[in-house]
Amino acid sequence: MALPSALLSLSQSLLLLLLPLLPPPLLAKQLTGTARTHRTSQRSPARPSPTDSCGPQEYWSPGHCCLLCPAGEHVREPCSHPHTRGQCDKCDPGTFTRLPNGLESCLLCGTCREDQDEVAECTATSNTRCQCRQGRFYKAPGDEEFCTRCSTCPEGTVVLQQCNSTADTVCGPPGPEGRHRLWLVGSFVIFSAVLGITIVTARTKKPKDGGFQPVCSGPPSSACSELESLEESE
């Protein structure tokens, strides 16, 4: 049994004696390969990311995945078993969660600014909704940070679209329809004025000496004969 041990010791001694005689590149390759093998053997196996193992309706809790709490609630206690739901609490007044979540607390409700009007109160599942007050609008779609004062149309243009909370005033030159409508209205006003003046003048005009003088024409009649007799007697 002592012979193998003696041979092993002898081989190790010979290897140590031969190492200085090896060419430098070969010696470096041997040492590098030994170090690489040693580092590889010490490397721990790769662990998958926690989010890779959780489903779309789950969140990562230390050690396993838990089901999300529904909208309007938050996590009070994580689950104790994988792929189950822990304990969820409803959001307190003034807080909300809009989507299923793994949050430890609900989000605070927003408040409208002085240049905004509140159009919807905050609920457990939705934040406060605000819009610009009358006379102001959001300059960029989706940008609810600043309300800009509505523009006024310059002289010679008309309002094509009124300003609202999401769009500024749209101005432009008067169109053909607008000019035609204006002409009709003006003509009607002038015609009405002329007609009224004519009627008033006709009613206030007085007849000349003796008033109305009937005129008989055509074939003789009893009425005209009597009228002529009266005129002759006068």
C-alpha atoms as a PDB file:
ATOM      1  CA  MET A   1       0.000   0.000   0.000  1.00  0.00           C
ATOM      2  CA  ALA A   2       2.981   2.344   0.497  1.00  0.00           C
ATOM      3  CA  LEU A   3       4.164   1.923  -3.122  1.00  0.00           C
ATOM      4  CA  PRO A   4       1.394   3.982  -4.804  1.00  0.00           C
ATOM      5  CA  SER A   5       1.940   6.823  -2.356  1.00  0.00           C
ATOM      6  CA  ALA A   6       5.631   6.799  -3.070  1.00  0.00           C
ATOM      7  CA  LEU A   7       4.989   6.860  -6.840  1.00  0.00           C
ATOM      8  CA  LEU A   8       2.554   9.807  -6.453  1.00  0.00           C
ATOM      9  CA  SER A   9       5.080  11.774  -4.444  1.00  0.00           C
ATOM     10  CA  LEU A  10       7.754  11.014  -7.005  1.00  0.00           C
ATOM     11  CA  SER A  11       5.566  12.194  -9.928  1.00  0.00           C
ATOM     12  CA  GLN A  12       4.722  15.454  -8.153  1.00  0.00           C
ATOM     13  CA  SER A  13       8.397  16.072  -7.468  1.00  0.00           C
ATOM     14  CA  LEU A  14       9.284  15.459 -11.116  1.00  0.00           C
ATOM     15  CA  LEU A  15       6.498  17.888 -12.234  1.00  0.00           C
ATOM     16  CA  LEU A  16       7.863  20.630 -10.015  1.00  0.00           C
ATOM     17  CA  LEU A  17      11.340  20.066 -11.431  1.00  0.00           C
ATOM     18  CA  LEU A  18      10.089  20.191 -15.047  1.00  0.00           C
ATOM     19  CA  LEU A  19       7.909  23.365 -14.734  1.00  0.00           C
ATOM     20  CA  PRO A  20      10.868  25.790 -14.945  1.00  0.00           C
ATOM     21  CA  LEU A  21      11.985  24.028 -18.132  1.00  0.00           C
ATOM     22  CA  LEU A  22       8.645  24.594 -19.982  1.00  0.00           C
ATOM     23  CA  PRO A  23       8.434  27.467 -22.545  1.00  0.00           C
ATOM     24  CA  PRO A  24       6.731  30.617 -21.104  1.00  0.00           C
ATOM     25  CA  PRO A  25       3.608  30.510 -23.408  1.00  0.00           C
ATOM     26  CA  LEU A  26       2.923  26.889 -22.565  1.00  0.00           C
ATOM     27  CA  LEU A  27       3.448  27.561 -18.860  1.00  0.00           C
ATOM     28  CA  ALA A  28       1.030  30.531 -18.926  1.00  0.00           C
ATOM     29  CA  LYS A  29      -1.586  28.440 -20.751  1.00  0.00           C
ATOM     30  CA  GLN A  30      -1.347  25.706 -18.166  1.00  0.00           C
ATOM     31  CA  LEU A  31      -1.658  28.115 -15.267  1.00  0.00           C
ATOM     32  CA  THR A  32      -4.572  30.042 -16.915  1.00  0.00           C
ATOM     33  CA  GLY A  33      -6.455  26.838 -17.654  1.00  0.00           C
ATOM     34  CA  THR A  34      -6.036  25.714 -14.057  1.00  0.00           C
ATOM     35  CA  ALA A  35      -7.272  29.050 -12.691  1.00  0.00           C
ATOM     36  CA  ARG A  36     -10.270  29.098 -15.074  1.00  0.00           C
ATOM     37  CA  THR A  37     -11.229  25.580 -14.063  1.00  0.00           C
ATOM     38  CA  HIS A  38     -10.998  26.506 -10.413  1.00  0.00           C
ATOM     39  CA  ARG A  39     -13.168  29.626 -10.842  1.00  0.00           C
ATOM     40  CA  THR A  40     -15.748  27.713 -12.837  1.00  0.00           C
ATOM     41  CA  SER A  41     -16.033  25.048 -10.204  1.00  0.00           C
ATOM     42  CA  GLN A  42     -16.624  27.728  -7.530  1.00  0.00           C
ATOM     43  CA  ARG A  43     -19.355  29.630  -9.495  1.00  0.00           C
ATOM     44  CA  SER A  44     -22.893  29.174  -8.088  1.00  0.00           C
ATOM     45  CA  PRO A  45     -25.651  28.100 -10.485  1.00  0.00           C
ATOM     46  CA  ALA A  46     -27.719  30.942 -12.060  1.00  0.00           C
ATOM     47  CA  ARG A  47     -31.046  31.753 -10.396  1.00  0.00           C
ATOM     48  CA  PRO A  48     -34.021  32.907 -12.472  1.00  0.00           C
ATOM     49  CA  SER A  49     -35.324  36.440 -11.907  1.00  0.00           C
ATOM     50  CA  PRO A  50     -38.317  36.555  -9.535  1.00  0.00           C
ATOM     51  CA  THR A  51     -40.386  38.402 -12.139  1.00  0.00           C
ATOM     52  CA  ASP A  52     -39.741  35.651 -14.694  1.00  0.00           C
ATOM     53  CA  SER A  53     -41.478  33.073 -12.530  1.00  0.00           C
ATOM     54  CA  CYS A  54     -44.526  35.232 -11.581  1.00  0.00           C
ATOM     55  CA  GLY A  55     -47.641  35.426 -13.747  1.00  0.00           C
ATOM     56  CA  PRO A  56     -49.151  38.657 -15.142  1.00  0.00           C
ATOM     57  CA  GLN A  57     -51.625  38.823 -12.240  1.00  0.00           C
ATOM     58  CA  GLU A  58     -48.999  38.136  -9.557  1.00  0.00           C
ATOM     59  CA  TYR A  59     -46.286  40.043  -7.687  1.00  0.00           C
ATOM     60  CA  TRP A  60     -43.044  38.860  -6.081  1.00  0.00           C
ATOM     61  CA  SER A  61     -43.018  38.476  -2.333  1.00  0.00           C
ATOM     62  CA  PRO A  62     -39.786  37.264  -0.666  1.00  0.00           C
ATOM     63  CA  GLY A  63     -39.620  33.591  -1.516  1.00  0.00           C
ATOM     64  CA  HIS A  64     -42.610  33.178  -3.870  1.00  0.00           C
ATOM     65  CA  CYS A  65     -45.261  34.822  -6.052  1.00  0.00           C
ATOM     66  CA  CYS A  66     -48.598  36.115  -4.710  1.00  0.00           C
ATOM     67  CA  LEU A  67     -51.796  37.074  -6.521  1.00  0.00           C
ATOM     68  CA  LEU A  68     -52.434  40.806  -6.917  1.00  0.00           C
ATOM     69  CA  CYS A  69     -54.986  42.592  -4.773  1.00  0.00           C
ATOM     70  CA  PRO A  70     -57.945  43.965  -6.781  1.00  0.00           C
ATOM     71  CA  ALA A  71     -58.326  47.631  -7.734  1.00  0.00           C
ATOM     72  CA  GLY A  72     -59.491  49.748  -4.826  1.00  0.00           C
ATOM     73  CA  GLU A  73     -57.448  47.683  -2.346  1.00  0.00           C
ATOM     74  CA  HIS A  74     -53.838  47.212  -1.225  1.00  0.00           C
ATOM     75  CA  VAL A  75     -51.737  44.436   0.334  1.00  0.00           C
ATOM     76  CA  ARG A  76     -51.939  44.160   4.103  1.00  0.00           C
ATOM     77  CA  GLU A  77     -50.175  40.796   4.418  1.00  0.00           C
ATOM     78  CA  PRO A  78     -48.431  38.894   1.577  1.00  0.00           C
ATOM     79  CA  CYS A  79     -49.458  35.332   0.868  1.00  0.00           C
ATOM     80  CA  SER A  80     -47.826  32.506   2.801  1.00  0.00           C
ATOM     81  CA  HIS A  81     -48.135  29.970  -0.035  1.00  0.00           C
ATOM     82  CA  PRO A  82     -47.054  30.456  -3.663  1.00  0.00           C
ATOM     83  CA  HIS A  83     -49.637  31.613  -6.222  1.00  0.00           C
ATOM     84  CA  THR A  84     -52.265  32.496  -3.610  1.00  0.00           C
ATOM     85  CA  ARG A  85     -53.632  35.853  -2.466  1.00  0.00           C
ATOM     86  CA  GLY A  86     -52.609  37.325   0.838  1.00  0.00           C
ATOM     87  CA  GLN A  87     -54.713  39.678   2.934  1.00  0.00           C
ATOM     88  CA  CYS A  88     -55.962  42.812   1.162  1.00  0.00           C
ATOM     89  CA  ASP A  89     -57.528  45.944   2.682  1.00  0.00           C
ATOM     90  CA  LYS A  90     -59.783  48.502   1.007  1.00  0.00           C
ATOM     91  CA  CYS A  91     -58.347  51.939   0.340  1.00  0.00           C
ATOM     92  CA  ASP A  92     -59.056  54.584   2.956  1.00  0.00           C
ATOM     93  CA  PRO A  93     -61.023  57.715   1.963  1.00  0.00           C
ATOM     94  CA  GLY A  94     -58.772  60.084   0.040  1.00  0.00           C
ATOM     95  CA  THR A  95     -56.718  57.238  -1.471  1.00  0.00           C
ATOM     96  CA  PHE A  96     -57.148  54.933  -4.470  1.00  0.00           C
ATOM     97  CA  THR A  97     -55.633  52.175  -6.611  1.00  0.00           C
ATOM     98  CA  ARG A  98     -56.795  52.156 -10.231  1.00  0.00           C
ATOM     99  CA  LEU A  99     -55.475  48.693 -11.192  1.00  0.00           C
ATOM    100  CA  PRO A 100     -54.839  45.304  -9.527  1.00  0.00           C
ATOM    101  CA  ASN A 101     -51.638  45.738  -7.553  1.00  0.00           C
ATOM    102  CA  GLY A 102     -49.149  44.515  -4.975  1.00  0.00           C
ATOM    103  CA  LEU A 103     -48.790  47.889  -3.224  1.00  0.00           C
ATOM    104  CA  GLU A 104     -48.458  48.080   0.537  1.00  0.00           C
ATOM    105  CA  SER A 105     -50.555  51.282   0.622  1.00  0.00           C
ATOM    106  CA  CYS A 106     -52.995  53.081  -1.686  1.00  0.00           C
ATOM    107  CA  LEU A 107     -52.133  56.243  -3.626  1.00  0.00           C
ATOM    108  CA  LEU A 108     -53.196  59.696  -2.413  1.00  0.00           C
ATOM    109  CA  CYS A 109     -55.978  61.400  -4.387  1.00  0.00           C
ATOM    110  CA  GLY A 110     -55.062  64.510  -6.345  1.00  0.00           C
ATOM    111  CA  THR A 111     -56.617  67.972  -5.916  1.00  0.00           C
ATOM    112  CA  CYS A 112     -57.632  70.466  -8.608  1.00  0.00           C
ATOM    113  CA  ARG A 113     -55.748  73.755  -8.943  1.00  0.00           C
ATOM    114  CA  GLU A 114     -57.258  77.237  -8.774  1.00  0.00           C
ATOM    115  CA  ASP A 115     -57.500  77.435 -12.581  1.00  0.00           C
ATOM    116  CA  GLN A 116     -59.294  74.078 -12.786  1.00  0.00           C
ATOM    117  CA  ASP A 117     -62.774  72.773 -12.050  1.00  0.00           C
ATOM    118  CA  GLU A 118     -63.407  69.345 -10.541  1.00  0.00           C
ATOM    119  CA  VAL A 119     -65.482  67.178 -12.875  1.00  0.00           C
ATOM    120  CA  ALA A 120     -65.261  63.867 -10.962  1.00  0.00           C
ATOM    121  CA  GLU A 121     -64.510  63.115  -7.328  1.00  0.00           C
ATOM    122  CA  CYS A 122     -61.800  60.681  -6.283  1.00  0.00           C
ATOM    123  CA  THR A 123     -63.020  57.144  -5.584  1.00  0.00           C
ATOM    124  CA  ALA A 124     -61.342  53.974  -4.361  1.00  0.00           C
ATOM    125  CA  THR A 125     -60.625  52.993  -7.986  1.00  0.00           C
ATOM    126  CA  SER A 126     -60.063  56.362  -9.733  1.00  0.00           C
ATOM    127  CA  ASN A 127     -58.231  59.603  -9.099  1.00  0.00           C
ATOM    128  CA  THR A 128     -59.815  63.063  -9.037  1.00  0.00           C
ATOM    129  CA  ARG A 129     -60.618  64.378 -12.527  1.00  0.00           C
ATOM    130  CA  CYS A 130     -60.050  68.061 -13.292  1.00  0.00           C
ATOM    131  CA  GLN A 131     -60.430  70.293 -16.326  1.00  0.00           C
ATOM    132  CA  CYS A 132     -59.523  73.882 -17.144  1.00  0.00           C
ATOM    133  CA  ARG A 133     -62.030  76.509 -16.139  1.00  0.00           C
ATOM    134  CA  GLN A 134     -64.067  78.404 -18.734  1.00  0.00           C
ATOM    135  CA  GLY A 135     -61.828  80.694 -20.755  1.00  0.00           C
ATOM    136  CA  ARG A 136     -58.799  78.394 -20.444  1.00  0.00           C
ATOM    137  CA  PHE A 137     -57.633  75.181 -22.120  1.00  0.00           C
ATOM    138  CA  TYR A 138     -54.915  72.506 -22.047  1.00  0.00           C
ATOM    139  CA  LYS A 139     -52.322  73.543 -24.623  1.00  0.00           C
ATOM    140  CA  ALA A 140     -51.033  69.999 -25.322  1.00  0.00           C
ATOM    141  CA  PRO A 141     -53.238  66.864 -25.493  1.00  0.00           C
ATOM    142  CA  GLY A 142     -52.812  64.859 -22.313  1.00  0.00           C
ATOM    143  CA  ASP A 143     -50.863  67.680 -20.638  1.00  0.00           C
ATOM    144  CA  GLU A 144     -52.989  68.637 -17.650  1.00  0.00           C
ATOM    145  CA  GLU A 145     -50.282  70.566 -15.827  1.00  0.00           C
ATOM    146  CA  PHE A 146     -50.952  74.046 -17.214  1.00  0.00           C
ATOM    147  CA  CYS A 147     -54.139  75.816 -18.299  1.00  0.00           C
ATOM    148  CA  THR A 148     -53.624  78.492 -20.977  1.00  0.00           C
ATOM    149  CA  ARG A 149     -55.950  81.461 -21.504  1.00  0.00           C
ATOM    150  CA  CYS A 150     -58.116  81.179 -24.632  1.00  0.00           C
ATOM    151  CA  SER A 151     -57.195  83.346 -27.624  1.00  0.00           C
ATOM    152  CA  THR A 152     -59.409  86.089 -29.088  1.00  0.00           C
ATOM    153  CA  CYS A 153     -59.891  86.466 -32.827  1.00  0.00           C
ATOM    154  CA  PRO A 154     -58.190  89.500 -34.425  1.00  0.00           C
ATOM    155  CA  GLU A 155     -60.144  92.143 -36.326  1.00  0.00           C
ATOM    156  CA  GLY A 156     -61.372  90.976 -39.717  1.00  0.00           C
ATOM    157  CA  THR A 157     -61.746  87.333 -38.669  1.00  0.00           C
ATOM    158  CA  VAL A 158     -64.569  85.356 -37.124  1.00  0.00           C
ATOM    159  CA  VAL A 159     -64.740  82.529 -34.578  1.00  0.00           C
ATOM    160  CA  LEU A 160     -64.948  79.217 -36.406  1.00  0.00           C
ATOM    161  CA  GLN A 161     -64.788  77.105 -33.229  1.00  0.00           C
ATOM    162  CA  GLN A 162     -65.278  78.228 -29.652  1.00  0.00           C
ATOM    163  CA  CYS A 163     -62.529  77.590 -27.095  1.00  0.00           C
ATOM    164  CA  ASN A 164     -63.125  74.665 -24.728  1.00  0.00           C
ATOM    165  CA  SER A 165     -61.162  72.863 -22.015  1.00  0.00           C
ATOM    166  CA  THR A 166     -59.114  70.868 -24.550  1.00  0.00           C
ATOM    167  CA  ALA A 167     -58.735  73.219 -27.547  1.00  0.00           C
ATOM    168  CA  ASP A 168     -58.069  76.901 -28.199  1.00  0.00           C
ATOM    169  CA  THR A 169     -60.297  79.247 -30.197  1.00  0.00           C
ATOM    170  CA  VAL A 170     -60.176  78.668 -33.967  1.00  0.00           C
ATOM    171  CA  CYS A 171     -60.324  81.872 -36.045  1.00  0.00           C
ATOM    172  CA  GLY A 172     -60.632  82.416 -39.794  1.00  0.00           C
ATOM    173  CA  PRO A 173     -61.949  84.730 -42.522  1.00  0.00           C
ATOM    174  CA  PRO A 174     -65.717  84.993 -43.027  1.00  0.00           C
ATOM    175  CA  GLY A 175     -66.865  82.265 -45.388  1.00  0.00           C
ATOM    176  CA  PRO A 176     -69.252  82.588 -48.369  1.00  0.00           C
ATOM    177  CA  GLU A 177     -72.160  81.311 -46.298  1.00  0.00           C
ATOM    178  CA  GLY A 178     -71.565  83.947 -43.650  1.00  0.00           C
ATOM    179  CA  ARG A 179     -71.487  86.792 -46.196  1.00  0.00           C
ATOM    180  CA  HIS A 180     -74.653  85.519 -47.904  1.00  0.00           C
ATOM    181  CA  ARG A 181     -76.487  85.310 -44.584  1.00  0.00           C
ATOM    182  CA  LEU A 182     -75.370  88.841 -43.692  1.00  0.00           C
ATOM    183  CA  TRP A 183     -76.656  90.157 -47.049  1.00  0.00           C
ATOM    184  CA  LEU A 184     -80.074  88.559 -46.512  1.00  0.00           C
ATOM    185  CA  VAL A 185     -80.399  90.008 -43.033  1.00  0.00           C
ATOM    186  CA  GLY A 186     -79.387  93.479 -44.247  1.00  0.00           C
ATOM    187  CA  SER A 187     -81.828  93.364 -47.160  1.00  0.00           C
ATOM    188  CA  PHE A 188     -84.685  92.335 -44.888  1.00  0.00           C
ATOM    189  CA  VAL A 189     -83.961  95.171 -42.475  1.00  0.00           C
ATOM    190  CA  ILE A 190     -83.873  97.771 -45.265  1.00  0.00           C
ATOM    191  CA  PHE A 191     -87.097  96.446 -46.838  1.00  0.00           C
ATOM    192  CA  SER A 192     -88.881  96.492 -43.487  1.00  0.00           C
ATOM    193  CA  ALA A 193     -87.773 100.068 -42.834  1.00  0.00           C
ATOM    194  CA  VAL A 194     -88.967 101.307 -46.246  1.00  0.00           C
ATOM    195  CA  LEU A 195     -92.309  99.525 -45.877  1.00  0.00           C
ATOM    196  CA  GLY A 196     -92.869 100.987 -42.440  1.00  0.00           C
ATOM    197  CA  ILE A 197     -92.113 104.525 -43.606  1.00  0.00           C
ATOM    198  CA  THR A 198     -94.517 104.135 -46.543  1.00  0.00           C
ATOM    199  CA  ILE A 199     -97.374 102.960 -44.305  1.00  0.00           C
ATOM    200  CA  VAL A 200     -96.879 105.762 -41.799  1.00  0.00           C
ATOM    201  CA  THR A 201     -96.755 108.374 -44.570  1.00  0.00           C
ATOM    202  CA  ALA A 202     -99.966 107.083 -46.167  1.00  0.00           C
ATOM    203  CA  ARG A 203    -101.889 107.188 -42.875  1.00  0.00           C
ATOM    204  CA  THR A 204    -100.845 110.714 -41.947  1.00  0.00           C
ATOM    205  CA  LYS A 205    -101.471 112.306 -45.390  1.00  0.00           C
ATOM    206  CA  LYS A 206    -104.596 114.673 -45.332  1.00  0.00           C
ATOM    207  CA  PRO A 207    -107.059 114.983 -48.264  1.00  0.00           C
ATOM    208  CA  LYS A 208    -107.269 118.329 -50.151  1.00  0.00           C
ATOM    209  CA  ASP A 209    -110.233 120.817 -49.886  1.00  0.00           C
ATOM    210  CA  GLY A 210    -113.465 118.916 -49.385  1.00  0.00           C
ATOM    211  CA  GLY A 211    -111.869 115.620 -48.789  1.00  0.00           C
ATOM    212  CA  PHE A 212    -112.424 112.638 -50.997  1.00  0.00           C
ATOM    213  CA  GLN A 213    -113.966 113.358 -54.394  1.00  0.00           C
ATOM    214  CA  PRO A 214    -115.606 110.332 -56.021  1.00  0.00           C
ATOM    215  CA  VAL A 215    -115.418 110.106 -59.789  1.00  0.00           C
ATOM    216  CA  CYS A 216    -118.189 108.505 -61.860  1.00  0.00           C
ATOM    217  CA  SER A 217    -117.187 106.868 -65.062  1.00  0.00           C
ATOM    218  CA  GLY A 218    -118.643 104.326 -67.338  1.00  0.00           C
ATOM    219  CA  PRO A 219    -122.366 103.809 -68.137  1.00  0.00           C
ATOM    220  CA  PRO A 220    -124.919 105.993 -66.272  1.00  0.00           C
ATOM    221  CA  SER A 221    -126.177 104.706 -62.925  1.00  0.00           C
ATOM    222  CA  SER A 222    -128.647 105.898 -60.309  1.00  0.00           C
ATOM    223  CA  ALA A 223    -125.901 106.592 -57.777  1.00  0.00           C
ATOM    224  CA  CYS A 224    -123.949 108.743 -60.181  1.00  0.00           C
ATOM    225  CA  SER A 225    -127.138 110.551 -61.321  1.00  0.00           C
ATOM    226  CA  GLU A 226    -128.054 111.455 -57.753  1.00  0.00           C
ATOM    227  CA  LEU A 227    -124.510 112.652 -57.102  1.00  0.00           C
ATOM    228  CA  GLU A 228    -124.567 114.842 -60.225  1.00  0.00           C
ATOM    229  CA  SER A 229    -127.974 116.283 -59.209  1.00  0.00           C
ATOM    230  CA  LEU A 230    -126.622 117.254 -55.799  1.00  0.00           C
ATOM    231  CA  GLU A 231    -123.612 118.941 -57.366  1.00  0.00           C
ATOM    232  CA  GLU A 232    -125.826 120.928 -59.775  1.00  0.00           C
ATOM    233  CA  SER A 233    -128.162 122.060 -56.970  1.00  0.00           C
ATOM    234  CA  GLU A 234    -125.200 123.378 -55.016  1.00  0.00           C
END
